[in-house]
Amino acid sequence: MKKRQGIKKDPDGLMPCGRLMAGCNVEGRRPMSMVREQPRRNDPCSCGSGRKYKRCCLGAVQEVAFTNYQGRQAYYPVEEARLALDKYMLLLVEAARVRGINEKNALEMLRQLYYLYEGVQKYFSPYYSCQAGCSYCCYPYVGASTLESRLAGEHIESAFSADTRDLFFKKICEHKNDYLSLVETVGAIAGRMQEEYFAKQIPCPFLSDIDTCLIYPVRPLACRALAVISDPEECRLDRVKEHFVPFGINSHAVKAVLALSRRVYGGEAEVKHFPAWFVDGFGKIGIERT
């Protein structure tokens, strides 16, 4: 019988699916071991359906990824999550290795990546502290690649009226110098300037009056990685928070998207504070390579 060939580590740093299934990462801790623990037959099903466990997910293998600040255990269906992760990882491998891709196809690949990313997150997000109207994470530095910003700009151009785009642009112009001050800094200087920027509490220009994200479907990976499982009060007081990233999906996505961005834009590909990409408007960012 032929031995199954595993996916080798990619030059861009992508890791194979199997290693990611070893555990879910809570920031600042070792990967958490999965605890095999299931509700009793007549308990409400942990999937949130509202049905009894015996009439819903009984028989499906579930594990506990983490326990949130309310003491709720985050159960997830192992096989379903594994399939979702495999689809996501296959696209990451393709994104990291593809050659000769133009901007149009790269943007479509990024859309698919976002979709599959959320397909993994959906098993854990019901247990997160983050809810609609919580905007504590909408004030810090958010690094975004050329490709991510191009997709967001395209969305803004097509999904919003001219008046709304003008309102966005007015907010960006108000803080243009603050955004651009973060672009050229590196190392320890960058870290200090990002702390100073956060202290100014400048809201994201795409944050609504009711503290919801107006470009949620195309928000960058850096925003998607800010899931918190500790008490929201820690966010309000800017204390140390406990973040959760299932299977380390964000860091691997960042590497793949950066590689894809470089393939499309070459030397013009870079990472900037997200709003800084739009100081000249929401039109074309970068040069399309055909």
C-alpha atoms as a PDB file:
ATOM      1  CA  MET A   1       0.000   0.000   0.000  1.00  0.00           C
ATOM      2  CA  LYS A   2       1.268   3.428  -0.928  1.00  0.00           C
ATOM      3  CA  LYS A   3       2.106   5.722   1.955  1.00  0.00           C
ATOM      4  CA  ARG A   4       0.089   8.906   2.057  1.00  0.00           C
ATOM      5  CA  GLN A   5       2.259  11.909   1.317  1.00  0.00           C
ATOM      6  CA  GLY A   6       1.947  14.763   3.788  1.00  0.00           C
ATOM      7  CA  ILE A   7       2.081  18.419   2.813  1.00  0.00           C
ATOM      8  CA  LYS A   8       5.577  19.729   3.351  1.00  0.00           C
ATOM      9  CA  LYS A   9       6.201  22.995   5.106  1.00  0.00           C
ATOM     10  CA  ASP A  10       5.894  25.786   2.561  1.00  0.00           C
ATOM     11  CA  PRO A  11       8.791  28.224   2.019  1.00  0.00           C
ATOM     12  CA  ASP A  12       6.426  31.026   3.095  1.00  0.00           C
ATOM     13  CA  GLY A  13       5.992  29.381   6.504  1.00  0.00           C
ATOM     14  CA  LEU A  14       2.688  27.588   5.993  1.00  0.00           C
ATOM     15  CA  MET A  15       2.196  24.596   8.277  1.00  0.00           C
ATOM     16  CA  PRO A  16       0.358  21.384   7.349  1.00  0.00           C
ATOM     17  CA  CYS A  17      -3.200  20.775   8.513  1.00  0.00           C
ATOM     18  CA  GLY A  18      -2.283  17.908  10.813  1.00  0.00           C
ATOM     19  CA  ARG A  19      -0.170  20.028  13.140  1.00  0.00           C
ATOM     20  CA  LEU A  20      -2.907  22.611  13.462  1.00  0.00           C
ATOM     21  CA  MET A  21      -5.343  19.984  14.702  1.00  0.00           C
ATOM     22  CA  ALA A  22      -3.126  19.443  17.770  1.00  0.00           C
ATOM     23  CA  GLY A  23      -4.909  22.205  19.675  1.00  0.00           C
ATOM     24  CA  CYS A  24      -6.367  25.684  19.747  1.00  0.00           C
ATOM     25  CA  ASN A  25      -4.171  28.569  20.744  1.00  0.00           C
ATOM     26  CA  VAL A  26      -5.022  30.973  23.520  1.00  0.00           C
ATOM     27  CA  GLU A  27      -2.673  33.918  23.258  1.00  0.00           C
ATOM     28  CA  GLY A  28       0.112  33.819  25.812  1.00  0.00           C
ATOM     29  CA  ARG A  29      -0.441  30.157  26.650  1.00  0.00           C
ATOM     30  CA  ARG A  30       0.560  26.772  25.330  1.00  0.00           C
ATOM     31  CA  PRO A  31      -1.907  25.122  22.924  1.00  0.00           C
ATOM     32  CA  MET A  32      -4.864  23.934  24.970  1.00  0.00           C
ATOM     33  CA  SER A  33      -5.513  20.210  25.125  1.00  0.00           C
ATOM     34  CA  MET A  34      -8.993  19.173  24.004  1.00  0.00           C
ATOM     35  CA  VAL A  35     -11.164  17.775  26.781  1.00  0.00           C
ATOM     36  CA  ARG A  36     -13.620  15.066  25.778  1.00  0.00           C
ATOM     37  CA  GLU A  37     -16.650  16.087  27.769  1.00  0.00           C
ATOM     38  CA  GLN A  38     -20.268  16.036  26.639  1.00  0.00           C
ATOM     39  CA  PRO A  39     -23.571  17.276  28.094  1.00  0.00           C
ATOM     40  CA  ARG A  40     -26.090  14.878  29.633  1.00  0.00           C
ATOM     41  CA  ARG A  41     -28.864  13.573  27.354  1.00  0.00           C
ATOM     42  CA  ASN A  42     -31.539  16.014  28.545  1.00  0.00           C
ATOM     43  CA  ASP A  43     -29.266  19.059  28.825  1.00  0.00           C
ATOM     44  CA  PRO A  44     -29.681  21.889  26.286  1.00  0.00           C
ATOM     45  CA  CYS A  45     -27.422  21.116  23.332  1.00  0.00           C
ATOM     46  CA  SER A  46     -24.152  23.059  23.495  1.00  0.00           C
ATOM     47  CA  CYS A  47     -24.424  23.975  19.784  1.00  0.00           C
ATOM     48  CA  GLY A  48     -27.021  26.607  20.716  1.00  0.00           C
ATOM     49  CA  SER A  49     -29.923  25.105  18.742  1.00  0.00           C
ATOM     50  CA  GLY A  50     -32.257  25.238  21.763  1.00  0.00           C
ATOM     51  CA  ARG A  51     -33.025  21.522  21.485  1.00  0.00           C
ATOM     52  CA  LYS A  52     -32.132  18.807  23.981  1.00  0.00           C
ATOM     53  CA  TYR A  53     -28.764  17.225  23.441  1.00  0.00           C
ATOM     54  CA  LYS A  54     -30.306  13.773  22.797  1.00  0.00           C
ATOM     55  CA  ARG A  55     -32.388  15.219  19.929  1.00  0.00           C
ATOM     56  CA  CYS A  56     -29.573  17.263  18.422  1.00  0.00           C
ATOM     57  CA  CYS A  57     -25.865  16.449  18.527  1.00  0.00           C
ATOM     58  CA  LEU A  58     -25.906  13.208  20.536  1.00  0.00           C
ATOM     59  CA  GLY A  59     -23.580  10.781  18.784  1.00  0.00           C
ATOM     60  CA  ALA A  60     -21.406  13.478  17.268  1.00  0.00           C
ATOM     61  CA  VAL A  61     -17.922  13.578  18.764  1.00  0.00           C
ATOM     62  CA  GLN A  62     -17.436  16.892  20.531  1.00  0.00           C
ATOM     63  CA  GLU A  63     -14.516  18.398  22.386  1.00  0.00           C
ATOM     64  CA  VAL A  64     -14.024  21.443  24.568  1.00  0.00           C
ATOM     65  CA  ALA A  65     -11.789  24.114  23.078  1.00  0.00           C
ATOM     66  CA  PHE A  66     -11.827  26.488  26.064  1.00  0.00           C
ATOM     67  CA  THR A  67     -13.929  27.736  28.965  1.00  0.00           C
ATOM     68  CA  ASN A  68     -14.909  31.392  28.697  1.00  0.00           C
ATOM     69  CA  TYR A  69     -15.162  33.979  31.469  1.00  0.00           C
ATOM     70  CA  GLN A  70     -18.798  32.995  32.175  1.00  0.00           C
ATOM     71  CA  GLY A  71     -17.745  29.394  32.766  1.00  0.00           C
ATOM     72  CA  ARG A  72     -19.320  28.198  29.505  1.00  0.00           C
ATOM     73  CA  GLN A  73     -17.414  25.394  27.846  1.00  0.00           C
ATOM     74  CA  ALA A  74     -16.895  25.852  24.117  1.00  0.00           C
ATOM     75  CA  TYR A  75     -17.943  22.529  22.632  1.00  0.00           C
ATOM     76  CA  TYR A  76     -17.317  21.985  18.950  1.00  0.00           C
ATOM     77  CA  PRO A  77     -17.975  19.045  16.585  1.00  0.00           C
ATOM     78  CA  VAL A  78     -14.569  17.573  15.862  1.00  0.00           C
ATOM     79  CA  GLU A  79     -15.211  16.082  12.418  1.00  0.00           C
ATOM     80  CA  GLU A  80     -17.094  19.118  11.102  1.00  0.00           C
ATOM     81  CA  ALA A  81     -14.375  21.450  12.330  1.00  0.00           C
ATOM     82  CA  ARG A  82     -11.702  19.205  10.817  1.00  0.00           C
ATOM     83  CA  LEU A  83     -13.391  19.322   7.399  1.00  0.00           C
ATOM     84  CA  ALA A  84     -13.761  23.110   7.589  1.00  0.00           C
ATOM     85  CA  LEU A  85     -10.110  23.459   8.601  1.00  0.00           C
ATOM     86  CA  ASP A  86      -8.937  21.186   5.774  1.00  0.00           C
ATOM     87  CA  LYS A  87     -10.770  23.286   3.159  1.00  0.00           C
ATOM     88  CA  TYR A  88      -9.292  26.439   4.659  1.00  0.00           C
ATOM     89  CA  MET A  89      -5.763  25.031   4.748  1.00  0.00           C
ATOM     90  CA  LEU A  90      -5.907  23.765   1.164  1.00  0.00           C
ATOM     91  CA  LEU A  91      -6.738  27.287   0.018  1.00  0.00           C
ATOM     92  CA  LEU A  92      -3.894  28.688   2.139  1.00  0.00           C
ATOM     93  CA  VAL A  93      -1.448  26.293   0.520  1.00  0.00           C
ATOM     94  CA  GLU A  94      -2.687  27.363  -2.918  1.00  0.00           C
ATOM     95  CA  ALA A  95      -2.495  31.061  -2.000  1.00  0.00           C
ATOM     96  CA  ALA A  96       1.071  30.713  -0.709  1.00  0.00           C
ATOM     97  CA  ARG A  97       2.332  28.809  -3.757  1.00  0.00           C
ATOM     98  CA  VAL A  98       0.397  30.234  -6.701  1.00  0.00           C
ATOM     99  CA  ARG A  99       2.447  31.936  -9.417  1.00  0.00           C
ATOM    100  CA  GLY A 100       1.497  34.320 -12.200  1.00  0.00           C
ATOM    101  CA  ILE A 101      -1.783  35.466 -10.635  1.00  0.00           C
ATOM    102  CA  ASN A 102      -3.419  38.798 -11.470  1.00  0.00           C
ATOM    103  CA  GLU A 103      -5.197  41.118  -9.074  1.00  0.00           C
ATOM    104  CA  LYS A 104      -8.724  40.062 -10.025  1.00  0.00           C
ATOM    105  CA  ASN A 105      -8.056  36.396  -9.276  1.00  0.00           C
ATOM    106  CA  ALA A 106      -6.108  37.207  -6.112  1.00  0.00           C
ATOM    107  CA  LEU A 107      -9.026  39.270  -4.783  1.00  0.00           C
ATOM    108  CA  GLU A 108     -11.410  36.396  -5.465  1.00  0.00           C
ATOM    109  CA  MET A 109      -9.039  34.047  -3.626  1.00  0.00           C
ATOM    110  CA  LEU A 110      -8.991  36.443  -0.672  1.00  0.00           C
ATOM    111  CA  ARG A 111     -12.805  36.512  -0.612  1.00  0.00           C
ATOM    112  CA  GLN A 112     -12.836  32.717  -0.479  1.00  0.00           C
ATOM    113  CA  LEU A 113     -10.219  32.786   2.277  1.00  0.00           C
ATOM    114  CA  TYR A 114     -12.361  35.120   4.393  1.00  0.00           C
ATOM    115  CA  TYR A 115     -15.384  32.871   3.818  1.00  0.00           C
ATOM    116  CA  LEU A 116     -13.531  29.712   4.859  1.00  0.00           C
ATOM    117  CA  TYR A 117     -11.930  31.545   7.811  1.00  0.00           C
ATOM    118  CA  GLU A 118     -15.391  32.337   9.148  1.00  0.00           C
ATOM    119  CA  GLY A 119     -16.381  28.734   8.439  1.00  0.00           C
ATOM    120  CA  VAL A 120     -13.812  27.653  11.043  1.00  0.00           C
ATOM    121  CA  GLN A 121     -14.588  30.468  13.496  1.00  0.00           C
ATOM    122  CA  LYS A 122     -18.349  29.760  13.569  1.00  0.00           C
ATOM    123  CA  TYR A 123     -17.823  26.755  15.854  1.00  0.00           C
ATOM    124  CA  PHE A 124     -16.246  28.939  18.534  1.00  0.00           C
ATOM    125  CA  SER A 125     -17.683  32.456  18.080  1.00  0.00           C
ATOM    126  CA  PRO A 126     -20.898  31.807  20.098  1.00  0.00           C
ATOM    127  CA  TYR A 127     -18.646  31.533  23.167  1.00  0.00           C
ATOM    128  CA  TYR A 128     -16.631  34.711  22.543  1.00  0.00           C
ATOM    129  CA  SER A 129     -17.058  37.822  24.655  1.00  0.00           C
ATOM    130  CA  CYS A 130     -17.220  39.930  21.479  1.00  0.00           C
ATOM    131  CA  GLN A 131     -20.748  40.946  20.482  1.00  0.00           C
ATOM    132  CA  ALA A 132     -22.336  43.458  18.091  1.00  0.00           C
ATOM    133  CA  GLY A 133     -21.917  46.935  19.549  1.00  0.00           C
ATOM    134  CA  CYS A 134     -18.666  46.079  21.341  1.00  0.00           C
ATOM    135  CA  SER A 135     -16.036  48.338  19.798  1.00  0.00           C
ATOM    136  CA  TYR A 136     -13.119  48.241  22.244  1.00  0.00           C
ATOM    137  CA  CYS A 137     -10.866  46.704  19.566  1.00  0.00           C
ATOM    138  CA  CYS A 138     -11.691  49.399  16.972  1.00  0.00           C
ATOM    139  CA  TYR A 139      -9.071  51.882  18.209  1.00  0.00           C
ATOM    140  CA  PRO A 140      -5.595  50.277  17.992  1.00  0.00           C
ATOM    141  CA  TYR A 141      -3.180  49.965  15.078  1.00  0.00           C
ATOM    142  CA  VAL A 142      -4.449  47.426  12.506  1.00  0.00           C
ATOM    143  CA  GLY A 143      -1.889  46.207   9.986  1.00  0.00           C
ATOM    144  CA  ALA A 144      -3.379  45.386   6.583  1.00  0.00           C
ATOM    145  CA  SER A 145      -1.735  44.193   3.377  1.00  0.00           C
ATOM    146  CA  THR A 146      -2.072  45.827  -0.021  1.00  0.00           C
ATOM    147  CA  LEU A 147      -4.397  43.067  -1.183  1.00  0.00           C
ATOM    148  CA  GLU A 148      -6.693  43.261   1.861  1.00  0.00           C
ATOM    149  CA  SER A 149      -6.956  47.032   1.512  1.00  0.00           C
ATOM    150  CA  ARG A 150      -7.660  46.758  -2.195  1.00  0.00           C
ATOM    151  CA  LEU A 151     -10.557  44.385  -1.498  1.00  0.00           C
ATOM    152  CA  ALA A 152     -11.930  46.731   1.159  1.00  0.00           C
ATOM    153  CA  GLY A 153     -11.623  49.730  -1.177  1.00  0.00           C
ATOM    154  CA  GLU A 154     -13.459  47.858  -3.924  1.00  0.00           C
ATOM    155  CA  HIS A 155     -16.230  46.957  -1.473  1.00  0.00           C
ATOM    156  CA  ILE A 156     -16.561  50.544  -0.249  1.00  0.00           C
ATOM    157  CA  GLU A 157     -16.778  51.831  -3.830  1.00  0.00           C
ATOM    158  CA  SER A 158     -19.542  49.388  -4.761  1.00  0.00           C
ATOM    159  CA  ALA A 159     -21.548  48.991  -1.535  1.00  0.00           C
ATOM    160  CA  PHE A 160     -21.915  52.585  -0.330  1.00  0.00           C
ATOM    161  CA  SER A 161     -23.427  55.745  -1.741  1.00  0.00           C
ATOM    162  CA  ALA A 162     -21.277  58.734  -2.671  1.00  0.00           C
ATOM    163  CA  ASP A 163     -22.492  60.566   0.450  1.00  0.00           C
ATOM    164  CA  THR A 164     -21.436  57.707   2.727  1.00  0.00           C
ATOM    165  CA  ARG A 165     -18.059  57.428   1.006  1.00  0.00           C
ATOM    166  CA  ASP A 166     -17.592  61.161   1.490  1.00  0.00           C
ATOM    167  CA  LEU A 167     -18.367  60.754   5.189  1.00  0.00           C
ATOM    168  CA  PHE A 168     -15.784  57.964   5.472  1.00  0.00           C
ATOM    169  CA  PHE A 169     -13.212  60.074   3.659  1.00  0.00           C
ATOM    170  CA  LYS A 170     -13.904  63.106   5.861  1.00  0.00           C
ATOM    171  CA  LYS A 171     -13.193  61.013   8.969  1.00  0.00           C
ATOM    172  CA  ILE A 172      -9.980  59.707   7.405  1.00  0.00           C
ATOM    173  CA  CYS A 173      -8.809  63.219   6.495  1.00  0.00           C
ATOM    174  CA  GLU A 174      -9.348  64.378  10.100  1.00  0.00           C
ATOM    175  CA  HIS A 175      -6.704  61.918  11.287  1.00  0.00           C
ATOM    176  CA  LYS A 176      -4.585  61.592   8.172  1.00  0.00           C
ATOM    177  CA  ASN A 177      -1.360  62.676   9.883  1.00  0.00           C
ATOM    178  CA  ASP A 178      -1.927  60.221  12.751  1.00  0.00           C
ATOM    179  CA  TYR A 179      -2.413  57.357  10.289  1.00  0.00           C
ATOM    180  CA  LEU A 180       0.610  58.237   8.182  1.00  0.00           C
ATOM    181  CA  SER A 181       2.871  58.648  11.223  1.00  0.00           C
ATOM    182  CA  LEU A 182       2.655  54.875  11.713  1.00  0.00           C
ATOM    183  CA  VAL A 183       3.635  53.919   8.154  1.00  0.00           C
ATOM    184  CA  GLU A 184       7.416  54.333   8.141  1.00  0.00           C
ATOM    185  CA  THR A 185       8.221  53.201  11.685  1.00  0.00           C
ATOM    186  CA  VAL A 186       9.801  49.849  12.560  1.00  0.00           C
ATOM    187  CA  GLY A 187      10.873  47.851  15.620  1.00  0.00           C
ATOM    188  CA  ALA A 188      10.725  49.359  19.089  1.00  0.00           C
ATOM    189  CA  ILE A 189       9.898  52.804  17.682  1.00  0.00           C
ATOM    190  CA  ALA A 190       6.875  51.363  15.904  1.00  0.00           C
ATOM    191  CA  GLY A 191       5.695  49.672  19.091  1.00  0.00           C
ATOM    192  CA  ARG A 192       5.965  52.897  21.092  1.00  0.00           C
ATOM    193  CA  MET A 193       4.173  54.930  18.411  1.00  0.00           C
ATOM    194  CA  GLN A 194       1.384  52.368  18.212  1.00  0.00           C
ATOM    195  CA  GLU A 195       0.902  52.674  21.977  1.00  0.00           C
ATOM    196  CA  GLU A 196       0.787  56.462  21.668  1.00  0.00           C
ATOM    197  CA  TYR A 197      -1.695  56.151  18.813  1.00  0.00           C
ATOM    198  CA  PHE A 198      -3.966  53.864  20.859  1.00  0.00           C
ATOM    199  CA  ALA A 199      -3.869  56.317  23.764  1.00  0.00           C
ATOM    200  CA  LYS A 200      -5.464  58.943  21.479  1.00  0.00           C
ATOM    201  CA  GLN A 201      -8.518  56.665  21.114  1.00  0.00           C
ATOM    202  CA  ILE A 202      -9.093  57.462  17.444  1.00  0.00           C
ATOM    203  CA  PRO A 203     -11.984  55.264  16.286  1.00  0.00           C
ATOM    204  CA  CYS A 204     -11.810  53.329  13.043  1.00  0.00           C
ATOM    205  CA  PRO A 205     -13.369  55.514  10.312  1.00  0.00           C
ATOM    206  CA  PHE A 206     -15.635  52.579   9.385  1.00  0.00           C
ATOM    207  CA  LEU A 207     -17.156  52.323  12.871  1.00  0.00           C
ATOM    208  CA  SER A 208     -20.855  53.276  12.927  1.00  0.00           C
ATOM    209  CA  ASP A 209     -22.610  55.573  15.398  1.00  0.00           C
ATOM    210  CA  ILE A 210     -23.916  52.479  17.198  1.00  0.00           C
ATOM    211  CA  ASP A 211     -20.444  50.916  17.413  1.00  0.00           C
ATOM    212  CA  THR A 212     -20.803  48.320  14.653  1.00  0.00           C
ATOM    213  CA  CYS A 213     -18.377  47.686  11.798  1.00  0.00           C
ATOM    214  CA  LEU A 214     -19.754  49.015   8.504  1.00  0.00           C
ATOM    215  CA  ILE A 215     -17.341  46.939   6.399  1.00  0.00           C
ATOM    216  CA  TYR A 216     -17.538  43.754   8.462  1.00  0.00           C
ATOM    217  CA  PRO A 217     -17.471  41.286   5.522  1.00  0.00           C
ATOM    218  CA  VAL A 218     -14.141  42.690   4.253  1.00  0.00           C
ATOM    219  CA  ARG A 219     -12.443  43.627   7.513  1.00  0.00           C
ATOM    220  CA  PRO A 220      -8.741  42.641   7.501  1.00  0.00           C
ATOM    221  CA  LEU A 221      -7.291  39.535   9.136  1.00  0.00           C
ATOM    222  CA  ALA A 222      -5.863  41.634  11.970  1.00  0.00           C
ATOM    223  CA  CYS A 223      -9.433  42.552  12.973  1.00  0.00           C
ATOM    224  CA  ARG A 224     -10.656  38.962  12.700  1.00  0.00           C
ATOM    225  CA  ALA A 225      -7.965  37.795  15.137  1.00  0.00           C
ATOM    226  CA  LEU A 226      -9.177  39.960  18.033  1.00  0.00           C
ATOM    227  CA  ALA A 227     -11.633  37.431  19.493  1.00  0.00           C
ATOM    228  CA  VAL A 228     -11.650  37.617  23.297  1.00  0.00           C
ATOM    229  CA  ILE A 229     -12.857  35.021  25.808  1.00  0.00           C
ATOM    230  CA  SER A 230     -12.095  36.975  28.990  1.00  0.00           C
ATOM    231  CA  ASP A 231     -14.434  39.436  30.721  1.00  0.00           C
ATOM    232  CA  PRO A 232     -15.365  42.378  28.399  1.00  0.00           C
ATOM    233  CA  GLU A 233     -14.610  44.638  31.348  1.00  0.00           C
ATOM    234  CA  GLU A 234     -10.921  43.839  30.783  1.00  0.00           C
ATOM    235  CA  CYS A 235     -11.274  45.317  27.289  1.00  0.00           C
ATOM    236  CA  ARG A 236     -12.986  48.457  28.606  1.00  0.00           C
ATOM    237  CA  LEU A 237     -10.222  49.019  31.158  1.00  0.00           C
ATOM    238  CA  ASP A 238      -7.491  48.091  28.632  1.00  0.00           C
ATOM    239  CA  ARG A 239      -6.138  45.321  30.828  1.00  0.00           C
ATOM    240  CA  VAL A 240      -4.510  42.061  29.730  1.00  0.00           C
ATOM    241  CA  LYS A 241      -7.074  40.089  27.730  1.00  0.00           C
ATOM    242  CA  GLU A 242      -7.341  36.440  26.824  1.00  0.00           C
ATOM    243  CA  HIS A 243      -7.566  35.984  23.056  1.00  0.00           C
ATOM    244  CA  PHE A 244      -8.541  32.793  21.293  1.00  0.00           C
ATOM    245  CA  VAL A 245      -7.413  31.788  17.792  1.00  0.00           C
ATOM    246  CA  PRO A 246      -8.690  28.346  16.726  1.00  0.00           C
ATOM    247  CA  PHE A 247      -5.938  26.125  15.323  1.00  0.00           C
ATOM    248  CA  GLY A 248      -3.625  29.124  14.848  1.00  0.00           C
ATOM    249  CA  ILE A 249      -5.551  30.007  11.677  1.00  0.00           C
ATOM    250  CA  ASN A 250      -4.754  33.695  11.697  1.00  0.00           C
ATOM    251  CA  SER A 251      -0.945  33.645  11.644  1.00  0.00           C
ATOM    252  CA  HIS A 252      -0.909  31.155   8.794  1.00  0.00           C
ATOM    253  CA  ALA A 253      -3.441  33.228   6.850  1.00  0.00           C
ATOM    254  CA  VAL A 254      -1.370  36.389   7.307  1.00  0.00           C
ATOM    255  CA  LYS A 255       1.709  34.683   5.826  1.00  0.00           C
ATOM    256  CA  ALA A 256      -0.263  33.312   2.877  1.00  0.00           C
ATOM    257  CA  VAL A 257      -1.987  36.641   2.139  1.00  0.00           C
ATOM    258  CA  LEU A 258       1.314  38.527   2.303  1.00  0.00           C
ATOM    259  CA  ALA A 259       2.835  36.028  -0.131  1.00  0.00           C
ATOM    260  CA  LEU A 260      -0.165  36.421  -2.437  1.00  0.00           C
ATOM    261  CA  SER A 261       0.024  40.207  -2.187  1.00  0.00           C
ATOM    262  CA  ARG A 262       3.711  40.171  -3.167  1.00  0.00           C
ATOM    263  CA  ARG A 263       2.948  37.987  -6.182  1.00  0.00           C
ATOM    264  CA  VAL A 264       0.402  40.538  -7.436  1.00  0.00           C
ATOM    265  CA  TYR A 265       2.062  43.848  -6.512  1.00  0.00           C
ATOM    266  CA  GLY A 266       5.732  42.918  -6.371  1.00  0.00           C
ATOM    267  CA  GLY A 267       7.865  45.484  -4.567  1.00  0.00           C
ATOM    268  CA  GLU A 268       4.852  47.732  -4.019  1.00  0.00           C
ATOM    269  CA  ALA A 269       3.246  45.207  -1.669  1.00  0.00           C
ATOM    270  CA  GLU A 270       3.434  46.343   1.948  1.00  0.00           C
ATOM    271  CA  VAL A 271       1.587  46.471   5.250  1.00  0.00           C
ATOM    272  CA  LYS A 272       0.151  49.725   6.612  1.00  0.00           C
ATOM    273  CA  HIS A 273      -2.264  50.829   9.291  1.00  0.00           C
ATOM    274  CA  PHE A 274      -5.594  50.008   7.630  1.00  0.00           C
ATOM    275  CA  PRO A 275      -7.061  53.565   7.351  1.00  0.00           C
ATOM    276  CA  ALA A 276      -3.735  54.887   5.966  1.00  0.00           C
ATOM    277  CA  TRP A 277      -4.433  53.039   2.716  1.00  0.00           C
ATOM    278  CA  PHE A 278      -7.360  55.353   2.012  1.00  0.00           C
ATOM    279  CA  VAL A 279      -5.923  58.812   2.640  1.00  0.00           C
ATOM    280  CA  ASP A 280      -6.140  59.461  -1.117  1.00  0.00           C
ATOM    281  CA  GLY A 281      -9.556  57.840  -1.573  1.00  0.00           C
ATOM    282  CA  PHE A 282     -10.963  54.365  -2.111  1.00  0.00           C
ATOM    283  CA  GLY A 283      -9.944  53.840  -5.729  1.00  0.00           C
ATOM    284  CA  LYS A 284      -7.253  51.552  -7.088  1.00  0.00           C
ATOM    285  CA  ILE A 285      -4.472  50.552  -4.711  1.00  0.00           C
ATOM    286  CA  GLY A 286      -1.337  49.096  -6.266  1.00  0.00           C
ATOM    287  CA  ILE A 287      -0.773  48.019  -9.855  1.00  0.00           C
ATOM    288  CA  GLU A 288      -2.472  45.030 -11.425  1.00  0.00           C
ATOM    289  CA  ARG A 289      -0.060  42.393 -12.686  1.00  0.00           C
ATOM    290  CA  THR A 290      -1.405  40.313 -15.538  1.00  0.00           C
END
